[in-house]
C-alpha cells in the first residue's frame, strides 16, 4: 500500500504568550509607543495545556533548574519587550539576539532569530501583522545548530506560514477557544 501525501486544510492552533501564560498579572500599558507585538506559539491541541513551547519550558526546568530559570527570565523579558511595540533588537545586544538560521520557503528567504540567556535560546520568526512566532526554546551548549535542529526550526516556521497562508491559524486563550 503506497502512502499518499496531500494537503488538507485543517486549523492550526496557537497560544498567545503573555504575562498570564507565565502566571503573572498583566503589566501596565503606559509608556508603550505603538501597537505591541503579539507572541504566538504552536499548540498540539485546542487548549493552552497543549502548547509546545510551554511543554519545552517545563521539560527544560525539570532537566536543569538553571536552564529553566534562564528560559523563564528570557521569555518574561521578551513579553515585556514585545509589549512596547518597538523593534525587538532595540532591547538586546548582538550577542543576546541575532540571526540563528535562514532558509528558503515558498520562494522567500525566511529568517529565524534567537534570543540568548545563558545557555538557553528562544528561536523566533517575525511574521505578518506584528506577530512573532516563537518556534522553540532549547538549551544549547555550542553555537552551531545541528541538521536536526535546523530541520525542526524550519518545520515549525513552515507550519506557521502554511496556517497563515491557508487562513487556518487560530489563536486560543488560556481557557481554550
N, C-alpha and C. Protein backbone atom coordinates (compact mmCIF):
# COMPACT_ATOMS: atom_id res chain seq x y z
N UNK A 1 0.84 -1.17 0.00
CA UNK A 1 0.00 0.00 0.00
C UNK A 1 0.89 1.24 0.00
N UNK A 2 0.66 2.15 -0.93
CA UNK A 2 1.50 3.33 -1.01
C UNK A 2 0.92 4.45 -0.16
N UNK A 3 1.82 5.29 0.31
CA UNK A 3 1.42 6.42 1.14
C UNK A 3 1.14 7.60 0.22
N UNK A 4 -0.01 8.21 0.37
CA UNK A 4 -0.40 9.35 -0.44
C UNK A 4 -0.30 10.60 0.41
N UNK A 5 0.46 11.58 -0.09
CA UNK A 5 0.58 12.85 0.62
C UNK A 5 -0.31 13.88 -0.05
N UNK A 6 -1.17 14.50 0.69
CA UNK A 6 -1.98 15.59 0.18
C UNK A 6 -2.22 16.57 1.31
N UNK A 7 -2.42 17.81 0.92
CA UNK A 7 -2.60 18.88 1.90
C UNK A 7 -4.08 19.00 2.24
N UNK A 8 -4.37 18.91 3.50
CA UNK A 8 -5.73 19.07 3.97
C UNK A 8 -5.77 20.35 4.81
N UNK A 9 -6.69 21.23 4.48
CA UNK A 9 -6.81 22.45 5.27
C UNK A 9 -7.40 22.12 6.62
N UNK A 10 -6.58 22.23 7.62
CA UNK A 10 -7.00 21.98 9.00
C UNK A 10 -6.53 23.15 9.84
N UNK A 11 -7.33 23.52 10.79
CA UNK A 11 -6.95 24.60 11.67
C UNK A 11 -5.71 24.22 12.47
N UNK A 12 -4.82 25.19 12.60
CA UNK A 12 -3.64 25.04 13.42
C UNK A 12 -3.79 26.05 14.54
N UNK A 13 -3.65 25.58 15.76
CA UNK A 13 -3.88 26.44 16.92
C UNK A 13 -2.58 26.96 17.50
N UNK A 14 -2.67 28.22 17.95
CA UNK A 14 -1.53 28.89 18.54
C UNK A 14 -1.99 29.59 19.81
N UNK A 15 -1.14 29.54 20.80
CA UNK A 15 -1.41 30.20 22.07
C UNK A 15 -0.70 31.54 22.08
N UNK A 16 -1.41 32.60 22.51
CA UNK A 16 -0.75 33.88 22.69
C UNK A 16 0.02 33.82 24.00
N UNK A 17 1.31 34.08 23.90
CA UNK A 17 2.20 34.03 25.07
C UNK A 17 2.26 35.45 25.66
N UNK A 18 1.87 35.56 26.92
CA UNK A 18 1.87 36.85 27.60
C UNK A 18 2.10 36.61 29.09
N UNK A 19 1.94 37.68 29.89
CA UNK A 19 2.18 37.53 31.33
C UNK A 19 1.29 36.46 31.95
N UNK A 20 0.05 36.41 31.51
CA UNK A 20 -0.89 35.41 32.05
C UNK A 20 -0.41 33.99 31.78
N UNK A 21 0.22 33.80 30.64
CA UNK A 21 0.75 32.48 30.30
C UNK A 21 1.76 32.02 31.35
N UNK A 22 2.52 32.97 31.87
CA UNK A 22 3.53 32.66 32.88
C UNK A 22 2.99 32.74 34.30
N UNK A 23 1.68 32.97 34.42
CA UNK A 23 1.06 33.03 35.74
C UNK A 23 1.25 34.36 36.44
N UNK A 24 1.55 35.41 35.67
CA UNK A 24 1.74 36.74 36.25
C UNK A 24 0.54 37.61 35.90
N UNK A 25 0.28 38.63 36.73
CA UNK A 25 -0.80 39.57 36.37
C UNK A 25 -0.35 40.41 35.18
N UNK A 26 -1.29 40.85 34.35
CA UNK A 26 -0.94 41.70 33.21
C UNK A 26 -0.24 42.96 33.67
N UNK A 27 0.78 43.40 32.90
CA UNK A 27 1.54 44.61 33.25
C UNK A 27 0.80 45.87 32.85
N UNK A 28 1.30 46.98 33.33
CA UNK A 28 0.70 48.28 33.00
C UNK A 28 0.98 48.60 31.53
N UNK A 29 0.03 49.26 30.89
CA UNK A 29 0.17 49.54 29.46
C UNK A 29 0.72 50.93 29.17
N UNK A 30 1.06 51.71 30.20
CA UNK A 30 1.57 53.04 29.94
C UNK A 30 3.00 52.96 29.40
N UNK A 31 3.39 53.98 28.65
CA UNK A 31 4.75 54.05 28.14
C UNK A 31 4.96 53.26 26.87
N UNK A 32 3.93 52.70 26.30
CA UNK A 32 4.08 51.93 25.07
C UNK A 32 4.02 52.88 23.88
N UNK A 33 4.82 52.60 22.89
CA UNK A 33 4.91 53.51 21.73
C UNK A 33 4.44 52.82 20.47
N UNK A 34 3.21 52.39 20.44
CA UNK A 34 2.69 51.76 19.24
C UNK A 34 2.07 50.43 19.55
N UNK A 35 1.56 49.81 18.51
CA UNK A 35 0.92 48.51 18.68
C UNK A 35 1.94 47.49 19.17
N UNK A 36 1.57 46.69 20.16
CA UNK A 36 2.51 45.68 20.66
C UNK A 36 2.68 44.53 19.68
N UNK A 37 3.79 43.84 19.81
CA UNK A 37 3.99 42.59 19.09
C UNK A 37 3.14 41.53 19.78
N UNK A 38 2.57 40.63 19.02
CA UNK A 38 1.84 39.51 19.59
C UNK A 38 2.74 38.29 19.48
N UNK A 39 2.98 37.64 20.61
CA UNK A 39 3.82 36.43 20.64
C UNK A 39 2.92 35.20 20.56
N UNK A 40 3.18 34.33 19.60
CA UNK A 40 2.39 33.11 19.43
C UNK A 40 3.29 31.88 19.45
N UNK A 41 2.77 30.80 20.00
CA UNK A 41 3.45 29.50 19.99
C UNK A 41 2.44 28.42 19.61
N UNK A 42 2.89 27.44 18.85
CA UNK A 42 2.01 26.39 18.33
C UNK A 42 1.52 25.46 19.43
N UNK A 43 0.27 25.03 19.29
CA UNK A 43 -0.32 24.05 20.20
C UNK A 43 -0.59 22.76 19.43
N UNK A 44 -0.54 21.65 20.13
CA UNK A 44 -0.85 20.36 19.52
C UNK A 44 -2.32 20.03 19.62
N UNK A 45 -3.04 20.76 20.43
CA UNK A 45 -4.47 20.53 20.62
C UNK A 45 -5.21 21.86 20.68
N UNK A 46 -6.38 21.83 21.27
CA UNK A 46 -7.22 23.04 21.30
C UNK A 46 -7.18 23.77 22.64
N UNK A 47 -6.28 23.37 23.53
CA UNK A 47 -6.18 24.04 24.82
C UNK A 47 -4.77 24.57 25.05
N UNK A 48 -4.67 25.53 25.96
CA UNK A 48 -3.37 26.12 26.30
C UNK A 48 -2.40 25.07 26.83
N UNK A 49 -2.92 24.04 27.47
CA UNK A 49 -2.07 22.98 28.02
C UNK A 49 -1.30 22.21 26.94
N UNK A 50 -1.72 22.35 25.70
CA UNK A 50 -1.06 21.61 24.62
C UNK A 50 -0.01 22.45 23.89
N UNK A 51 0.36 23.60 24.44
CA UNK A 51 1.35 24.48 23.82
C UNK A 51 2.73 23.82 23.84
N UNK A 52 3.31 23.70 22.67
CA UNK A 52 4.60 23.03 22.51
C UNK A 52 5.71 23.79 23.24
N UNK A 53 5.72 25.10 23.12
CA UNK A 53 6.76 25.91 23.76
C UNK A 53 6.71 25.78 25.27
N UNK A 54 5.51 25.84 25.83
CA UNK A 54 5.36 25.71 27.28
C UNK A 54 5.79 24.32 27.75
N UNK A 55 5.47 23.31 26.97
CA UNK A 55 5.91 21.94 27.31
C UNK A 55 7.44 21.87 27.31
N UNK A 56 8.09 22.50 26.33
CA UNK A 56 9.55 22.51 26.29
C UNK A 56 10.13 23.25 27.49
N UNK A 57 9.48 24.35 27.89
CA UNK A 57 9.93 25.09 29.08
C UNK A 57 9.88 24.21 30.33
N UNK A 58 8.77 23.49 30.48
CA UNK A 58 8.61 22.62 31.65
C UNK A 58 9.64 21.49 31.65
N UNK A 59 9.85 20.88 30.48
CA UNK A 59 10.85 19.81 30.37
C UNK A 59 12.24 20.35 30.70
N UNK A 60 12.55 21.52 30.20
CA UNK A 60 13.85 22.13 30.43
C UNK A 60 14.06 22.39 31.92
N UNK A 61 13.05 22.93 32.59
CA UNK A 61 13.14 23.21 34.03
C UNK A 61 13.29 21.95 34.85
N UNK A 62 12.66 20.86 34.41
CA UNK A 62 12.78 19.58 35.12
C UNK A 62 14.17 18.98 34.94
N UNK A 63 14.72 19.14 33.75
CA UNK A 63 16.04 18.56 33.45
C UNK A 63 17.18 19.36 34.05
N UNK A 64 17.03 20.69 34.11
CA UNK A 64 18.11 21.54 34.58
C UNK A 64 17.50 22.83 35.13
N UNK A 65 17.51 22.98 36.44
CA UNK A 65 16.86 24.13 37.07
C UNK A 65 17.43 25.47 36.59
N UNK A 66 18.73 25.55 36.38
CA UNK A 66 19.35 26.80 35.92
C UNK A 66 18.86 27.15 34.52
N UNK A 67 18.78 26.16 33.62
CA UNK A 67 18.25 26.41 32.28
C UNK A 67 16.79 26.84 32.35
N UNK A 68 16.02 26.21 33.23
CA UNK A 68 14.62 26.57 33.39
C UNK A 68 14.45 28.01 33.83
N UNK A 69 15.27 28.44 34.80
CA UNK A 69 15.22 29.83 35.27
C UNK A 69 15.62 30.80 34.16
N UNK A 70 16.66 30.45 33.42
CA UNK A 70 17.11 31.31 32.31
C UNK A 70 16.02 31.43 31.25
N UNK A 71 15.37 30.32 30.93
CA UNK A 71 14.32 30.32 29.91
C UNK A 71 13.15 31.19 30.34
N UNK A 72 12.71 31.04 31.59
CA UNK A 72 11.60 31.86 32.09
C UNK A 72 11.97 33.34 32.12
N UNK A 73 13.19 33.64 32.52
CA UNK A 73 13.65 35.02 32.57
C UNK A 73 13.69 35.62 31.16
N UNK A 74 14.23 34.87 30.21
CA UNK A 74 14.32 35.35 28.82
C UNK A 74 12.93 35.55 28.23
N UNK A 75 12.01 34.63 28.49
CA UNK A 75 10.66 34.75 27.95
C UNK A 75 9.92 35.91 28.60
N UNK A 76 10.11 36.10 29.89
CA UNK A 76 9.48 37.21 30.60
C UNK A 76 9.95 38.55 30.04
N UNK A 77 11.26 38.68 29.80
CA UNK A 77 11.78 39.91 29.21
C UNK A 77 11.22 40.10 27.80
N UNK A 78 11.16 39.04 27.01
CA UNK A 78 10.64 39.14 25.65
C UNK A 78 9.18 39.60 25.65
N UNK A 79 8.40 39.10 26.59
CA UNK A 79 7.00 39.53 26.70
C UNK A 79 6.94 41.04 26.97
N UNK A 80 7.77 41.53 27.88
CA UNK A 80 7.81 42.96 28.20
C UNK A 80 8.29 43.78 27.00
N UNK A 81 9.29 43.30 26.31
CA UNK A 81 9.82 43.98 25.13
C UNK A 81 8.76 44.03 24.03
N UNK A 82 8.08 42.92 23.79
CA UNK A 82 7.04 42.85 22.76
C UNK A 82 5.92 43.85 23.04
N UNK A 83 5.63 44.05 24.31
CA UNK A 83 4.54 44.96 24.70
C UNK A 83 4.83 46.41 24.31
N UNK A 84 6.09 46.76 24.11
CA UNK A 84 6.44 48.13 23.74
C UNK A 84 6.08 48.44 22.30
N UNK A 85 6.01 47.42 21.46
CA UNK A 85 5.75 47.63 20.04
C UNK A 85 6.97 48.05 19.25
N UNK A 86 8.08 48.24 19.92
CA UNK A 86 9.32 48.65 19.25
C UNK A 86 10.05 47.43 18.69
N UNK A 87 10.99 47.66 17.77
CA UNK A 87 11.78 46.54 17.25
C UNK A 87 12.49 45.79 18.39
N UNK A 88 12.40 44.49 18.35
CA UNK A 88 12.97 43.64 19.41
C UNK A 88 14.46 43.89 19.59
N UNK A 89 15.18 44.08 18.47
CA UNK A 89 16.63 44.24 18.56
C UNK A 89 17.05 45.53 19.26
N UNK A 90 16.11 46.45 19.50
CA UNK A 90 16.43 47.66 20.28
C UNK A 90 16.74 47.35 21.73
N UNK A 91 16.35 46.18 22.21
CA UNK A 91 16.46 45.84 23.62
C UNK A 91 17.54 44.80 23.94
N UNK A 92 18.22 44.32 22.90
CA UNK A 92 19.23 43.28 23.08
C UNK A 92 20.49 43.66 22.31
N UNK A 93 21.64 43.24 22.83
CA UNK A 93 22.86 43.45 22.05
C UNK A 93 23.02 42.28 21.07
N UNK A 94 24.03 42.36 20.22
CA UNK A 94 24.19 41.36 19.15
C UNK A 94 24.55 39.97 19.68
N UNK A 95 25.05 39.87 20.89
CA UNK A 95 25.32 38.54 21.47
C UNK A 95 24.04 37.91 22.03
N UNK A 96 23.11 38.75 22.45
CA UNK A 96 21.86 38.25 23.02
C UNK A 96 20.84 37.90 21.94
N UNK A 97 20.81 38.67 20.87
CA UNK A 97 19.81 38.43 19.82
C UNK A 97 20.44 38.66 18.46
N UNK A 98 20.32 37.63 17.63
CA UNK A 98 20.79 37.75 16.25
C UNK A 98 20.22 36.61 15.41
N UNK A 99 20.49 36.68 14.12
CA UNK A 99 20.03 35.66 13.19
C UNK A 99 20.54 34.29 13.63
N UNK A 100 19.66 33.31 13.66
CA UNK A 100 20.01 31.94 14.05
C UNK A 100 20.11 31.02 12.84
N UNK A 101 19.14 31.17 11.90
CA UNK A 101 19.08 30.26 10.76
C UNK A 101 18.28 30.90 9.64
N UNK A 102 18.71 30.66 8.40
CA UNK A 102 17.99 31.14 7.22
C UNK A 102 17.67 29.97 6.31
N UNK A 103 16.52 30.04 5.65
CA UNK A 103 16.16 29.04 4.66
C UNK A 103 15.15 29.65 3.70
N UNK A 104 14.97 29.01 2.56
CA UNK A 104 14.02 29.49 1.56
C UNK A 104 12.78 28.62 1.62
N UNK A 105 11.62 29.27 1.66
CA UNK A 105 10.34 28.56 1.65
C UNK A 105 9.33 29.41 0.91
N UNK A 106 8.64 28.80 -0.03
CA UNK A 106 7.65 29.49 -0.87
C UNK A 106 8.28 30.71 -1.54
N UNK A 107 9.43 30.47 -2.12
CA UNK A 107 10.18 31.46 -2.91
C UNK A 107 10.59 32.71 -2.11
N UNK A 108 10.64 32.60 -0.81
CA UNK A 108 11.07 33.72 0.01
C UNK A 108 12.12 33.27 1.02
N UNK A 109 13.05 34.16 1.29
CA UNK A 109 14.04 33.88 2.32
C UNK A 109 13.37 34.05 3.68
N UNK A 110 13.50 33.04 4.53
CA UNK A 110 12.92 33.07 5.88
C UNK A 110 14.06 33.12 6.88
N UNK A 111 13.90 33.95 7.88
CA UNK A 111 14.95 34.14 8.88
C UNK A 111 14.40 33.78 10.25
N UNK A 112 15.11 32.90 10.93
CA UNK A 112 14.79 32.56 12.31
C UNK A 112 15.83 33.27 13.17
N UNK A 113 15.34 34.02 14.16
CA UNK A 113 16.18 34.77 15.07
C UNK A 113 16.27 34.04 16.40
N UNK A 114 17.18 34.48 17.22
CA UNK A 114 17.24 33.89 18.55
C UNK A 114 17.56 34.93 19.59
N UNK A 115 17.04 34.65 20.79
CA UNK A 115 17.39 35.42 21.98
C UNK A 115 18.11 34.44 22.89
N UNK A 116 19.20 34.89 23.45
CA UNK A 116 20.02 34.03 24.30
C UNK A 116 20.05 34.57 25.71
N UNK A 117 19.91 33.64 26.64
CA UNK A 117 20.09 33.96 28.07
C UNK A 117 20.84 32.77 28.65
N UNK A 118 22.09 32.95 28.97
CA UNK A 118 22.91 31.83 29.43
C UNK A 118 23.04 30.81 28.31
N UNK A 119 22.71 29.57 28.62
CA UNK A 119 22.77 28.50 27.62
C UNK A 119 21.43 28.28 26.93
N UNK A 120 20.45 29.12 27.21
CA UNK A 120 19.10 28.94 26.66
C UNK A 120 18.91 29.83 25.44
N UNK A 121 18.26 29.27 24.42
CA UNK A 121 17.93 30.01 23.21
C UNK A 121 16.42 29.96 23.00
N UNK A 122 15.84 31.12 22.70
CA UNK A 122 14.44 31.19 22.26
C UNK A 122 14.51 31.54 20.78
N UNK A 123 14.04 30.63 19.94
CA UNK A 123 14.05 30.84 18.50
C UNK A 123 12.71 31.43 18.07
N UNK A 124 12.76 32.47 17.22
CA UNK A 124 11.52 33.11 16.80
C UNK A 124 11.60 33.58 15.36
N UNK A 125 10.40 33.79 14.81
CA UNK A 125 10.25 34.21 13.41
C UNK A 125 9.32 35.42 13.38
N UNK A 126 9.76 36.49 12.69
CA UNK A 126 8.91 37.66 12.51
C UNK A 126 7.87 37.34 11.44
N UNK A 127 6.61 37.34 11.82
CA UNK A 127 5.53 37.05 10.88
C UNK A 127 4.83 38.35 10.50
N UNK A 128 3.77 38.24 9.73
CA UNK A 128 2.98 39.40 9.29
C UNK A 128 2.23 40.02 10.47
N UNK A 129 1.84 41.27 10.32
CA UNK A 129 0.94 41.95 11.25
C UNK A 129 1.44 42.00 12.70
N UNK A 130 2.71 42.32 12.89
CA UNK A 130 3.30 42.45 14.23
C UNK A 130 3.13 41.20 15.07
N UNK A 131 3.34 40.06 14.44
CA UNK A 131 3.30 38.78 15.14
C UNK A 131 4.71 38.20 15.16
N UNK A 132 5.09 37.71 16.32
CA UNK A 132 6.34 36.98 16.47
C UNK A 132 5.96 35.55 16.82
N UNK A 133 6.34 34.63 15.94
CA UNK A 133 6.08 33.21 16.18
C UNK A 133 7.26 32.63 16.94
N UNK A 134 7.00 32.12 18.13
CA UNK A 134 8.03 31.51 18.97
C UNK A 134 8.16 30.04 18.55
N UNK A 135 9.20 29.75 17.80
CA UNK A 135 9.37 28.43 17.20
C UNK A 135 9.85 27.37 18.19
N UNK A 136 10.71 27.76 19.13
CA UNK A 136 11.23 26.77 20.07
C UNK A 136 12.01 27.47 21.18
N UNK A 137 12.22 26.74 22.24
CA UNK A 137 13.12 27.15 23.31
C UNK A 137 13.95 25.91 23.64
N UNK A 138 15.26 26.10 23.73
CA UNK A 138 16.12 24.94 23.98
C UNK A 138 17.43 25.38 24.62
N UNK A 139 18.06 24.44 25.29
CA UNK A 139 19.38 24.68 25.86
C UNK A 139 20.40 24.33 24.79
N UNK A 140 21.39 25.17 24.65
CA UNK A 140 22.39 24.98 23.60
C UNK A 140 23.76 25.27 24.20
N UNK A 141 24.60 24.27 24.25
CA UNK A 141 25.94 24.44 24.83
C UNK A 141 26.97 24.85 23.78
N UNK A 142 26.62 24.65 22.51
CA UNK A 142 27.50 25.04 21.39
C UNK A 142 26.71 25.95 20.48
N UNK A 143 27.41 26.85 19.78
CA UNK A 143 26.72 27.82 18.94
C UNK A 143 26.13 27.24 17.67
N UNK A 144 26.76 26.26 17.08
CA UNK A 144 26.28 25.71 15.81
C UNK A 144 25.04 24.85 16.01
N UNK A 145 24.08 25.04 15.08
CA UNK A 145 22.89 24.19 15.08
C UNK A 145 23.20 22.89 14.33
N UNK A 146 22.63 21.81 14.82
CA UNK A 146 22.75 20.54 14.10
C UNK A 146 21.76 20.54 12.94
N UNK A 147 21.91 19.61 12.01
CA UNK A 147 20.96 19.48 10.90
C UNK A 147 19.55 19.22 11.45
N UNK A 148 19.45 18.39 12.48
CA UNK A 148 18.16 18.10 13.08
C UNK A 148 17.51 19.32 13.70
N UNK A 149 18.30 20.16 14.37
CA UNK A 149 17.77 21.39 14.96
C UNK A 149 17.30 22.36 13.88
N UNK A 150 18.08 22.46 12.80
CA UNK A 150 17.68 23.31 11.69
C UNK A 150 16.37 22.83 11.09
N UNK A 151 16.25 21.53 10.87
CA UNK A 151 15.03 20.97 10.29
C UNK A 151 13.83 21.21 11.22
N UNK A 152 14.01 21.03 12.51
CA UNK A 152 12.94 21.27 13.48
C UNK A 152 12.46 22.71 13.41
N UNK A 153 13.38 23.66 13.38
CA UNK A 153 13.01 25.07 13.29
C UNK A 153 12.29 25.37 11.98
N UNK A 154 12.81 24.84 10.89
CA UNK A 154 12.18 25.04 9.58
C UNK A 154 10.77 24.48 9.56
N UNK A 155 10.58 23.28 10.11
CA UNK A 155 9.26 22.66 10.13
C UNK A 155 8.26 23.49 10.93
N UNK A 156 8.70 24.03 12.05
CA UNK A 156 7.82 24.87 12.87
C UNK A 156 7.43 26.14 12.12
N UNK A 157 8.40 26.81 11.52
CA UNK A 157 8.11 28.05 10.80
C UNK A 157 7.23 27.76 9.58
N UNK A 158 7.51 26.68 8.88
CA UNK A 158 6.68 26.31 7.71
C UNK A 158 5.24 26.04 8.14
N UNK A 159 5.05 25.38 9.27
CA UNK A 159 3.69 25.11 9.77
C UNK A 159 2.97 26.42 10.05
N UNK A 160 3.68 27.37 10.63
CA UNK A 160 3.08 28.68 10.90
C UNK A 160 2.71 29.37 9.58
N UNK A 161 3.64 29.42 8.65
CA UNK A 161 3.41 30.10 7.36
C UNK A 161 2.25 29.45 6.61
N UNK A 162 2.22 28.13 6.59
CA UNK A 162 1.13 27.42 5.90
C UNK A 162 -0.22 27.73 6.54
N UNK A 163 -0.28 27.73 7.85
CA UNK A 163 -1.53 28.03 8.55
C UNK A 163 -1.98 29.45 8.24
N UNK A 164 -1.05 30.37 8.23
CA UNK A 164 -1.37 31.76 7.93
C UNK A 164 -1.84 31.90 6.47
N UNK A 165 -1.09 31.31 5.54
CA UNK A 165 -1.45 31.40 4.11
C UNK A 165 -2.81 30.77 3.82
N UNK A 166 -3.12 29.68 4.49
CA UNK A 166 -4.38 28.96 4.27
C UNK A 166 -5.52 29.51 5.12
N UNK A 167 -5.24 30.57 5.87
CA UNK A 167 -6.20 31.16 6.79
C UNK A 167 -6.77 30.12 7.76
N UNK A 168 -5.88 29.27 8.24
CA UNK A 168 -6.25 28.23 9.19
C UNK A 168 -5.59 28.45 10.55
N UNK A 169 -5.08 29.65 10.78
CA UNK A 169 -4.41 30.00 12.02
C UNK A 169 -5.46 30.43 13.04
N UNK A 170 -5.52 29.72 14.15
CA UNK A 170 -6.50 30.02 15.20
C UNK A 170 -5.73 30.31 16.49
N UNK A 171 -5.98 31.48 17.08
CA UNK A 171 -5.34 31.84 18.34
C UNK A 171 -6.29 31.45 19.47
N UNK A 172 -5.76 30.68 20.42
CA UNK A 172 -6.58 30.27 21.56
C UNK A 172 -6.14 31.03 22.80
N UNK A 173 -7.03 31.08 23.76
CA UNK A 173 -6.72 31.77 25.01
C UNK A 173 -6.30 30.75 26.05
N UNK A 174 -6.00 31.23 27.23
CA UNK A 174 -5.62 30.34 28.34
C UNK A 174 -6.73 29.32 28.64
N UNK A 175 -7.99 29.69 28.42
CA UNK A 175 -9.10 28.81 28.73
C UNK A 175 -9.50 27.92 27.55
N UNK A 176 -8.84 28.03 26.43
CA UNK A 176 -9.24 27.30 25.21
C UNK A 176 -9.79 28.29 24.22
N UNK A 177 -10.51 27.82 23.22
CA UNK A 177 -11.02 28.70 22.16
C UNK A 177 -12.14 29.58 22.64
